[in-house]
């Protein structure tokens, strides 16, 4: 794709879906985080025409978020188990 702006948000969504990408909008915490932590070849910033004017969108590989999700699995599993134990204790106390 050339560096011309996307014509609207729908085009961004369709392009990202067709190319296995995620996107974040400028002005969000996610945009700032991705821009600071990913290299320029991993995080590309594109212009998007919106009804309020031009804004920027950051595009990056869906594989990055999938890897982050997998890396967080042990922590999520520990939290689930901790909550199960807590709920079990509360149920015994309430009886």
Protein backbone atom coordinates (compact mmCIF):
# COMPACT_ATOMS: atom_id res chain seq x y z
CA UNK A 1 0.00 0.00 0.00
CA UNK A 2 1.29 3.48 -0.76
CA UNK A 3 1.69 6.15 1.90
CA UNK A 4 -1.53 7.95 0.97
CA UNK A 5 -4.04 8.16 3.81
CA UNK A 6 -6.74 5.59 4.32
CA UNK A 7 -10.02 7.05 3.10
CA UNK A 8 -11.88 6.11 6.32
CA UNK A 9 -11.92 3.88 9.40
CA UNK A 10 -13.60 1.05 7.50
CA UNK A 11 -10.67 0.88 5.09
CA UNK A 12 -8.27 0.65 8.05
CA UNK A 13 -10.27 -2.21 9.55
CA UNK A 14 -10.48 -4.12 6.26
CA UNK A 15 -6.76 -3.63 5.52
CA UNK A 16 -5.79 -4.81 9.01
CA UNK A 17 -8.06 -7.87 8.83
CA UNK A 18 -6.80 -8.84 5.37
CA UNK A 19 -3.15 -8.55 6.40
CA UNK A 20 -3.19 -10.07 9.91
CA UNK A 21 -2.64 -6.75 11.64
CA UNK A 22 -3.91 -5.00 14.75
CA UNK A 23 -4.44 -1.25 14.90
CA UNK A 24 -4.52 1.45 17.56
CA UNK A 25 -5.60 5.06 17.24
CA UNK A 26 -3.42 8.06 18.00
CA UNK A 27 -4.30 9.66 21.31
CA UNK A 28 -4.82 6.36 23.13
CA UNK A 29 -2.57 4.79 25.74
CA UNK A 30 -2.19 1.73 23.51
CA UNK A 31 -0.88 3.87 20.65
CA UNK A 32 1.72 5.51 22.89
CA UNK A 33 2.77 2.15 24.37
CA UNK A 34 3.17 0.51 20.97
CA UNK A 35 5.00 3.48 19.51
CA UNK A 36 7.50 3.46 22.38
CA UNK A 37 8.04 -0.30 22.61
CA UNK A 38 8.00 -1.43 18.97
CA UNK A 39 10.57 -0.62 16.33
CA UNK A 40 9.52 1.42 13.26
CA UNK A 41 9.48 -1.71 11.09
CA UNK A 42 7.08 -3.38 13.57
CA UNK A 43 4.80 -0.36 14.12
CA UNK A 44 3.78 1.71 11.12
CA UNK A 45 1.87 4.98 11.51
CA UNK A 46 -0.61 5.89 8.78
CA UNK A 47 -2.94 8.82 8.20
CA UNK A 48 -6.69 8.22 8.16
CA UNK A 49 -9.33 10.60 6.88
CA UNK A 50 -12.21 10.88 9.33
CA UNK A 51 -15.23 13.13 9.43
CA UNK A 52 -13.36 15.25 12.01
CA UNK A 53 -10.24 15.53 9.87
CA UNK A 54 -7.07 13.51 9.57
CA UNK A 55 -5.90 11.34 12.46
CA UNK A 56 -3.19 8.72 12.74
CA UNK A 57 -3.46 4.97 13.21
CA UNK A 58 -0.71 2.57 14.19
CA UNK A 59 -0.59 -0.85 12.52
CA UNK A 60 1.35 -3.82 13.88
CA UNK A 61 1.37 -7.60 13.57
CA UNK A 62 -1.37 -9.58 15.29
CA UNK A 63 1.37 -12.07 16.24
CA UNK A 64 2.69 -9.50 18.74
CA UNK A 65 -0.55 -9.38 20.74
CA UNK A 66 -0.90 -13.17 20.51
CA UNK A 67 2.62 -13.61 21.94
CA UNK A 68 1.84 -11.15 24.74
CA UNK A 69 -1.38 -13.05 25.51
CA UNK A 70 0.51 -16.35 25.70
CA UNK A 71 3.24 -14.80 27.87
CA UNK A 72 0.55 -13.67 30.33
CA UNK A 73 -1.12 -17.09 30.54
CA UNK A 74 0.71 -18.29 33.70
CA UNK A 75 -0.25 -15.11 35.57
CA UNK A 76 -3.90 -15.39 34.50
CA UNK A 77 -4.00 -19.03 35.55
CA UNK A 78 -2.56 -18.17 38.97
CA UNK A 79 -5.18 -15.44 39.43
CA UNK A 80 -7.99 -17.80 38.43
CA UNK A 81 -6.80 -20.39 40.94
CA UNK A 82 -6.42 -17.77 43.66
CA UNK A 83 -9.99 -16.58 43.05
CA UNK A 84 -11.33 -20.15 43.09
CA UNK A 85 -9.73 -20.74 46.48
CA UNK A 86 -11.14 -17.45 47.78
CA UNK A 87 -14.66 -18.25 46.51
CA UNK A 88 -14.43 -21.73 48.00
CA UNK A 89 -13.46 -20.32 51.42
CA UNK A 90 -16.27 -17.77 51.27
CA UNK A 91 -18.81 -20.44 50.39
CA UNK A 92 -17.72 -22.54 53.42
CA UNK A 93 -17.92 -19.55 55.75
CA UNK A 94 -21.40 -18.58 54.52
CA UNK A 95 -22.86 -22.04 55.15
